[in-house]
C-alpha atoms as a PDB file:
ATOM      1  CA  MET A   1     -28.936  18.649 -19.240  1.00  0.00           C
ATOM      2  CA  SER A   2     -32.668  18.234 -18.981  1.00  0.00           C
ATOM      3  CA  ALA A   3     -35.957  19.536 -20.282  1.00  0.00           C
ATOM      4  CA  TYR A   4     -39.505  19.606 -19.029  1.00  0.00           C
ATOM      5  CA  ARG A   5     -42.822  21.186 -19.914  1.00  0.00           C
ATOM      6  CA  ASP A   6     -44.205  24.060 -17.889  1.00  0.00           C
ATOM      7  CA  GLY A   7     -47.637  24.601 -19.395  1.00  0.00           C
ATOM      8  CA  ASP A   8     -47.111  25.445 -23.051  1.00  0.00           C
ATOM      9  CA  LYS A   9     -43.410  26.228 -22.565  1.00  0.00           C
ATOM     10  CA  VAL A  10     -40.458  23.866 -22.577  1.00  0.00           C
ATOM     11  CA  VAL A  11     -37.790  24.623 -19.988  1.00  0.00           C
ATOM     12  CA  VAL A  12     -34.328  23.418 -21.003  1.00  0.00           C
ATOM     13  CA  MET A  13     -31.478  23.397 -18.511  1.00  0.00           C
ATOM     14  CA  VAL A  14     -27.913  23.258 -19.816  1.00  0.00           C
ATOM     15  CA  PRO A  15     -24.567  23.832 -18.081  1.00  0.00           C
ATOM     16  CA  SER A  16     -23.406  27.444 -18.109  1.00  0.00           C
ATOM     17  CA  ARG A  17     -19.951  26.404 -19.343  1.00  0.00           C
ATOM     18  CA  LEU A  18     -21.279  25.678 -22.875  1.00  0.00           C
ATOM     19  CA  SER A  19     -20.552  28.095 -25.679  1.00  0.00           C
ATOM     20  CA  LYS A  20     -23.541  29.735 -27.369  1.00  0.00           C
ATOM     21  CA  ALA A  21     -23.153  27.373 -30.373  1.00  0.00           C
ATOM     22  CA  GLU A  22     -22.961  24.300 -28.130  1.00  0.00           C
ATOM     23  CA  GLU A  23     -25.941  25.520 -26.143  1.00  0.00           C
ATOM     24  CA  GLU A  24     -28.023  25.957 -29.312  1.00  0.00           C
ATOM     25  CA  GLN A  25     -26.976  22.515 -30.580  1.00  0.00           C
ATOM     26  CA  TRP A  26     -27.887  20.826 -27.277  1.00  0.00           C
ATOM     27  CA  ILE A  27     -31.198  22.676 -27.036  1.00  0.00           C
ATOM     28  CA  ALA A  28     -32.126  21.515 -30.552  1.00  0.00           C
ATOM     29  CA  THR A  29     -31.154  17.924 -29.682  1.00  0.00           C
ATOM     30  CA  ILE A  30     -33.064  17.954 -26.393  1.00  0.00           C
ATOM     31  CA  LEU A  31     -36.188  19.455 -28.007  1.00  0.00           C
ATOM     32  CA  GLU A  32     -36.057  16.804 -30.741  1.00  0.00           C
ATOM     33  CA  ARG A  33     -35.797  14.028 -28.139  1.00  0.00           C
ATOM     34  CA  LEU A  34     -38.657  15.528 -26.123  1.00  0.00           C
ATOM     35  CA  ALA A  35     -40.858  15.738 -29.224  1.00  0.00           C
ATOM     36  CA  GLU A  36     -40.097  12.106 -30.122  1.00  0.00           C
ATOM     37  CA  ARG A  37     -40.866  10.954 -26.583  1.00  0.00           C
ATOM     38  CA  GLU A  38     -44.171  12.835 -26.664  1.00  0.00           C
ATOM     39  CA  ARG A  39     -45.055  11.313 -30.051  1.00  0.00           C
ATOM     40  CA  ARG A  40     -44.467   7.840 -28.623  1.00  0.00           C
ATOM     41  CA  ARG A  41     -46.566   8.594 -25.538  1.00  0.00           C
ATOM     42  CA  ARG A  42     -49.408  10.194 -27.512  1.00  0.00           C
ATOM     43  CA  PRO A  43     -50.186   7.815 -30.365  1.00  0.00           C
ATOM     44  CA  SER A  44     -52.657   8.817 -33.066  1.00  0.00           C
ATOM     45  CA  ASP A  45     -55.901   6.941 -33.744  1.00  0.00           C
ATOM     46  CA  ALA A  46     -54.129   5.127 -36.586  1.00  0.00           C
ATOM     47  CA  ASP A  47     -51.320   4.160 -34.202  1.00  0.00           C
ATOM     48  CA  LEU A  48     -53.911   2.843 -31.715  1.00  0.00           C
ATOM     49  CA  GLN A  49     -55.588   0.775 -34.439  1.00  0.00           C
ATOM     50  CA  SER A  50     -52.274  -0.719 -35.476  1.00  0.00           C
ATOM     51  CA  ARG A  51     -51.273  -1.401 -31.870  1.00  0.00           C
ATOM     52  CA  ALA A  52     -54.629  -3.050 -31.126  1.00  0.00           C
ATOM     53  CA  ARG A  53     -54.182  -5.422 -34.058  1.00  0.00           C
ATOM     54  CA  GLU A  54     -50.669  -6.303 -32.892  1.00  0.00           C
ATOM     55  CA  LEU A  55     -51.875  -6.925 -29.323  1.00  0.00           C
ATOM     56  CA  SER A  56     -54.738  -9.080 -30.610  1.00  0.00           C
ATOM     57  CA  ARG A  57     -52.283 -11.126 -32.660  1.00  0.00           C
ATOM     58  CA  ARG A  58     -49.859 -11.486 -29.764  1.00  0.00           C
ATOM     59  CA  TYR A  59     -52.210 -12.136 -26.835  1.00  0.00           C
ATOM     60  CA  LEU A  60     -55.579 -13.179 -28.309  1.00  0.00           C
ATOM     61  CA  ASP A  61     -54.440 -15.331 -31.243  1.00  0.00           C
ATOM     62  CA  GLY A  62     -55.601 -12.572 -33.614  1.00  0.00           C
ATOM     63  CA  ARG A  63     -59.251 -13.351 -32.888  1.00  0.00           C
ATOM     64  CA  ALA A  64     -60.240  -9.770 -31.973  1.00  0.00           C
ATOM     65  CA  ASP A  65     -60.332  -7.586 -35.078  1.00  0.00           C
ATOM     66  CA  PRO A  66     -61.497  -4.059 -34.248  1.00  0.00           C
ATOM     67  CA  VAL A  67     -63.100  -2.001 -37.017  1.00  0.00           C
ATOM     68  CA  SER A  68     -61.874   1.216 -35.395  1.00  0.00           C
ATOM     69  CA  VAL A  69     -59.869   2.279 -32.369  1.00  0.00           C
ATOM     70  CA  ARG A  70     -59.823   5.936 -31.404  1.00  0.00           C
ATOM     71  CA  TRP A  71     -59.261   8.460 -28.643  1.00  0.00           C
ATOM     72  CA  VAL A  72     -62.312  10.169 -27.146  1.00  0.00           C
ATOM     73  CA  ALA A  73     -62.490  13.089 -24.726  1.00  0.00           C
ATOM     74  CA  ASN A  74     -65.971  12.377 -23.342  1.00  0.00           C
ATOM     75  CA  GLN A  75     -65.049   9.455 -21.054  1.00  0.00           C
ATOM     76  CA  ARG A  76     -64.580  10.943 -17.608  1.00  0.00           C
ATOM     77  CA  ALA A  77     -65.384   7.824 -15.572  1.00  0.00           C
ATOM     78  CA  ARG A  78     -63.935   5.154 -17.868  1.00  0.00           C
ATOM     79  CA  TRP A  79     -60.526   4.402 -19.288  1.00  0.00           C
ATOM     80  CA  GLY A  80     -61.985   2.650 -22.311  1.00  0.00           C
ATOM     81  CA  SER A  81     -65.107   1.225 -23.856  1.00  0.00           C
ATOM     82  CA  CYS A  82     -66.118  -0.857 -26.824  1.00  0.00           C
ATOM     83  CA  THR A  83     -69.162  -1.775 -28.850  1.00  0.00           C
ATOM     84  CA  PRO A  84     -68.866  -5.459 -29.792  1.00  0.00           C
ATOM     85  CA  ASP A  85     -71.757  -5.192 -32.285  1.00  0.00           C
ATOM     86  CA  ASP A  86     -69.825  -2.843 -34.558  1.00  0.00           C
ATOM     87  CA  GLY A  87     -66.253  -3.632 -33.467  1.00  0.00           C
ATOM     88  CA  THR A  88     -65.369  -0.142 -32.226  1.00  0.00           C
ATOM     89  CA  ILE A  89     -63.044   0.632 -29.343  1.00  0.00           C
ATOM     90  CA  ARG A  90     -62.703   4.004 -27.660  1.00  0.00           C
ATOM     91  CA  LEU A  91     -59.962   5.026 -25.212  1.00  0.00           C
ATOM     92  CA  SER A  92     -60.184   8.001 -22.905  1.00  0.00           C
ATOM     93  CA  THR A  93     -57.778  10.808 -23.722  1.00  0.00           C
ATOM     94  CA  ARG A  94     -56.904  10.688 -19.998  1.00  0.00           C
ATOM     95  CA  LEU A  95     -54.709   7.697 -20.920  1.00  0.00           C
ATOM     96  CA  ARG A  96     -52.521   9.843 -23.178  1.00  0.00           C
ATOM     97  CA  GLY A  97     -49.104  10.246 -21.657  1.00  0.00           C
ATOM     98  CA  MET A  98     -49.450   7.144 -19.470  1.00  0.00           C
ATOM     99  CA  PRO A  99     -46.898   4.370 -19.962  1.00  0.00           C
ATOM    100  CA  GLY A 100     -47.436   2.327 -23.110  1.00  0.00           C
ATOM    101  CA  TRP A 101     -47.926  -0.900 -21.135  1.00  0.00           C
ATOM    102  CA  VAL A 102     -50.909   0.702 -19.372  1.00  0.00           C
ATOM    103  CA  VAL A 103     -52.498   1.784 -22.667  1.00  0.00           C
ATOM    104  CA  ASP A 104     -51.767  -1.710 -24.009  1.00  0.00           C
ATOM    105  CA  TYR A 105     -53.607  -3.235 -21.046  1.00  0.00           C
ATOM    106  CA  VAL A 106     -56.706  -1.119 -21.702  1.00  0.00           C
ATOM    107  CA  LEU A 107     -56.534  -2.103 -25.389  1.00  0.00           C
ATOM    108  CA  VAL A 108     -56.251  -5.811 -24.513  1.00  0.00           C
ATOM    109  CA  HIS A 109     -59.173  -5.435 -22.105  1.00  0.00           C
ATOM    110  CA  GLU A 110     -61.339  -3.846 -24.800  1.00  0.00           C
ATOM    111  CA  LEU A 111     -60.194  -6.350 -27.426  1.00  0.00           C
ATOM    112  CA  ALA A 112     -61.229  -9.167 -25.091  1.00  0.00           C
ATOM    113  CA  HIS A 113     -64.680  -7.558 -24.911  1.00  0.00           C
ATOM    114  CA  LEU A 114     -64.994  -7.881 -28.686  1.00  0.00           C
ATOM    115  CA  LEU A 115     -64.834 -11.638 -28.057  1.00  0.00           C
ATOM    116  CA  ILE A 116     -66.557 -11.913 -24.669  1.00  0.00           C
ATOM    117  CA  PRO A 117     -68.954  -9.157 -23.595  1.00  0.00           C
ATOM    118  CA  GLY A 118     -69.121  -9.958 -19.868  1.00  0.00           C
ATOM    119  CA  HIS A 119     -66.561 -10.203 -17.089  1.00  0.00           C
ATOM    120  CA  GLY A 120     -66.643 -13.907 -16.340  1.00  0.00           C
ATOM    121  CA  ALA A 121     -63.696 -16.187 -15.770  1.00  0.00           C
ATOM    122  CA  ASP A 122     -63.273 -16.758 -19.521  1.00  0.00           C
ATOM    123  CA  PHE A 123     -62.964 -12.987 -20.068  1.00  0.00           C
ATOM    124  CA  TRP A 124     -60.356 -12.559 -17.327  1.00  0.00           C
ATOM    125  CA  GLU A 125     -58.441 -15.560 -18.648  1.00  0.00           C
ATOM    126  CA  LEU A 126     -58.115 -13.785 -22.012  1.00  0.00           C
ATOM    127  CA  VAL A 127     -57.070 -10.504 -20.388  1.00  0.00           C
ATOM    128  CA  GLY A 128     -54.585 -12.453 -18.265  1.00  0.00           C
ATOM    129  CA  ASN A 129     -52.691 -13.381 -21.416  1.00  0.00           C
ATOM    130  CA  TYR A 130     -51.274  -9.854 -21.265  1.00  0.00           C
ATOM    131  CA  PRO A 131     -48.254 -10.232 -18.952  1.00  0.00           C
ATOM    132  CA  LYS A 132     -48.536  -6.782 -17.355  1.00  0.00           C
ATOM    133  CA  ALA A 133     -52.292  -6.937 -16.691  1.00  0.00           C
ATOM    134  CA  ASP A 134     -52.008  -6.942 -12.883  1.00  0.00           C
ATOM    135  CA  ARG A 135     -49.358  -4.232 -12.899  1.00  0.00           C
ATOM    136  CA  ALA A 136     -51.448  -2.023 -15.220  1.00  0.00           C
ATOM    137  CA  ARG A 137     -54.581  -2.507 -13.106  1.00  0.00           C
ATOM    138  CA  GLY A 138     -52.562  -1.424 -10.069  1.00  0.00           C
ATOM    139  CA  TYR A 139     -51.268   1.615 -11.923  1.00  0.00           C
ATOM    140  CA  LEU A 140     -54.780   2.644 -12.948  1.00  0.00           C
ATOM    141  CA  GLU A 141     -55.992   2.041  -9.396  1.00  0.00           C
ATOM    142  CA  GLY A 142     -53.339   4.457  -8.145  1.00  0.00           C
ATOM    143  CA  VAL A 143     -54.291   7.077 -10.726  1.00  0.00           C
ATOM    144  CA  ALA A 144     -57.961   6.725  -9.790  1.00  0.00           C
ATOM    145  CA  ALA A 145     -57.168   7.051  -6.075  1.00  0.00           C
ATOM    146  CA  ALA A 146     -54.930  10.085  -6.609  1.00  0.00           C
ATOM    147  CA  ALA A 147     -57.677  11.755  -8.654  1.00  0.00           C
ATOM    148  CA  HIS A 148     -60.192  11.026  -5.876  1.00  0.00           C
ATOM    149  CA  LEU A 149     -62.454   9.173  -8.296  1.00  0.00           C
ATOM    150  CA  PRO A 150     -65.365   7.476  -6.522  1.00  0.00           C
ATOM    151  CA  LEU A 151     -64.650   3.851  -5.751  1.00  0.00           C
ATOM    152  CA  GLU A 152     -67.166   1.303  -4.542  1.00  0.00           C
ATOM    153  CA  ALA A 153     -66.657   0.532  -0.874  1.00  0.00           C
ATOM    154  CA  ASP A 154     -67.429  -3.113  -1.460  1.00  0.00           C
ATOM    155  CA  ALA A 155     -65.279  -3.497  -4.580  1.00  0.00           C
ATOM    156  CA  PRO A 156     -62.819  -6.373  -4.593  1.00  0.00           C
ATOM    157  CA  GLU A 157     -59.332  -5.048  -3.813  1.00  0.00           C
ATOM    158  CA  ASP A 158     -58.029  -5.709  -7.297  1.00  0.00           C
ATOM    159  CA  ASP A 159     -61.063  -4.253  -9.068  1.00  0.00           C
ATOM    160  CA  VAL A 160     -61.025  -0.520  -8.403  1.00  0.00           C
ATOM    161  CA  THR A 161     -59.233   0.874 -11.426  1.00  0.00           C
ATOM    162  CA  GLY A 162     -61.992   2.023 -13.819  1.00  0.00           C
ATOM    163  CA  ILE A 163     -62.599   0.305 -17.294  1.00  0.00           C
ATOM    164  CA  HIS A 164     -66.041  -1.371 -17.401  1.00  0.00           C
ATOM    165  CA  HIS A 165     -69.030  -2.223 -15.280  1.00  0.00           C
ATOM    166  CA  GLY A 166     -67.869  -4.634 -12.653  1.00  0.00           C
ATOM    167  CA  ASP A 167     -64.277  -4.876 -13.805  1.00  0.00           C
ATOM    168  CA  GLY A 168     -62.800  -2.027 -11.853  1.00  0.00           C
ATOM    169  CA  LEU A 169     -61.973   0.140 -14.818  1.00  0.00           C
ATOM    170  CA  HIS A 170     -65.010   2.350 -14.256  1.00  0.00           C
ATOM    171  CA  PRO A 171     -64.740   3.906 -10.810  1.00  0.00           C
ATOM    172  CA  GLY A 172     -68.051   3.983  -9.024  1.00  0.00           C
ATOM    173  CA  ASP A 173     -69.599   1.057 -10.907  1.00  0.00           C
ATOM    174  CA  GLN A 174     -71.185  -1.819  -9.052  1.00  0.00           C
ATOM    175  CA  PHE A 175     -69.042  -4.909  -8.736  1.00  0.00           C
ATOM    176  CA  PRO A 176     -70.257  -8.485  -8.936  1.00  0.00           C
ATOM    177  CA  HIS A 177     -69.555 -10.752  -6.005  1.00  0.00           C
ATOM    178  CA  GLU A 178     -68.553 -14.341  -6.483  1.00  0.00           C
ATOM    179  CA  ALA A 179     -69.987 -16.966  -4.213  1.00  0.00           C
ATOM    180  CA  ALA A 180     -67.500 -18.339  -1.734  1.00  0.00           C
ATOM    181  CA  GLY A 181     -66.633 -21.930  -2.082  1.00  0.00           C
END
């Protein structure tokens, strides 16, 4: 038994051997499970706010305290952004439906910006407290590549995923180069 979305419809596949009553019971159960899974993968603004506070507590010693965290539909070239002056964080609605650990990474990244505005070593050390940071950056890099988002030719290999200027989370941004040595 399985179910999937096809546009606005849900297609449910059940074995033909089921009675009509069993079929209806299984369809109801499957639709309920699908709805719950979608709720978990599409958190509300309030859910994002709560999650951001939990991530700050867990990975940033609770030092980042966002005033608001919300979804926005106007970020086509960024996964997230923040305004440290007023403590607001915005996540692109393109993240909805992505694995929770990827959304968590973008939240941790933005939370770190509430503490450190740039992308120096101290910033990346904070972001590195999130154990799936590298994996999430790789995931976002793959999404960006599959969507044919513009990537800087001279971007460091691990910085092409698209969040902020120079950090690879905004495809097409310029990337800083560190001096060799």
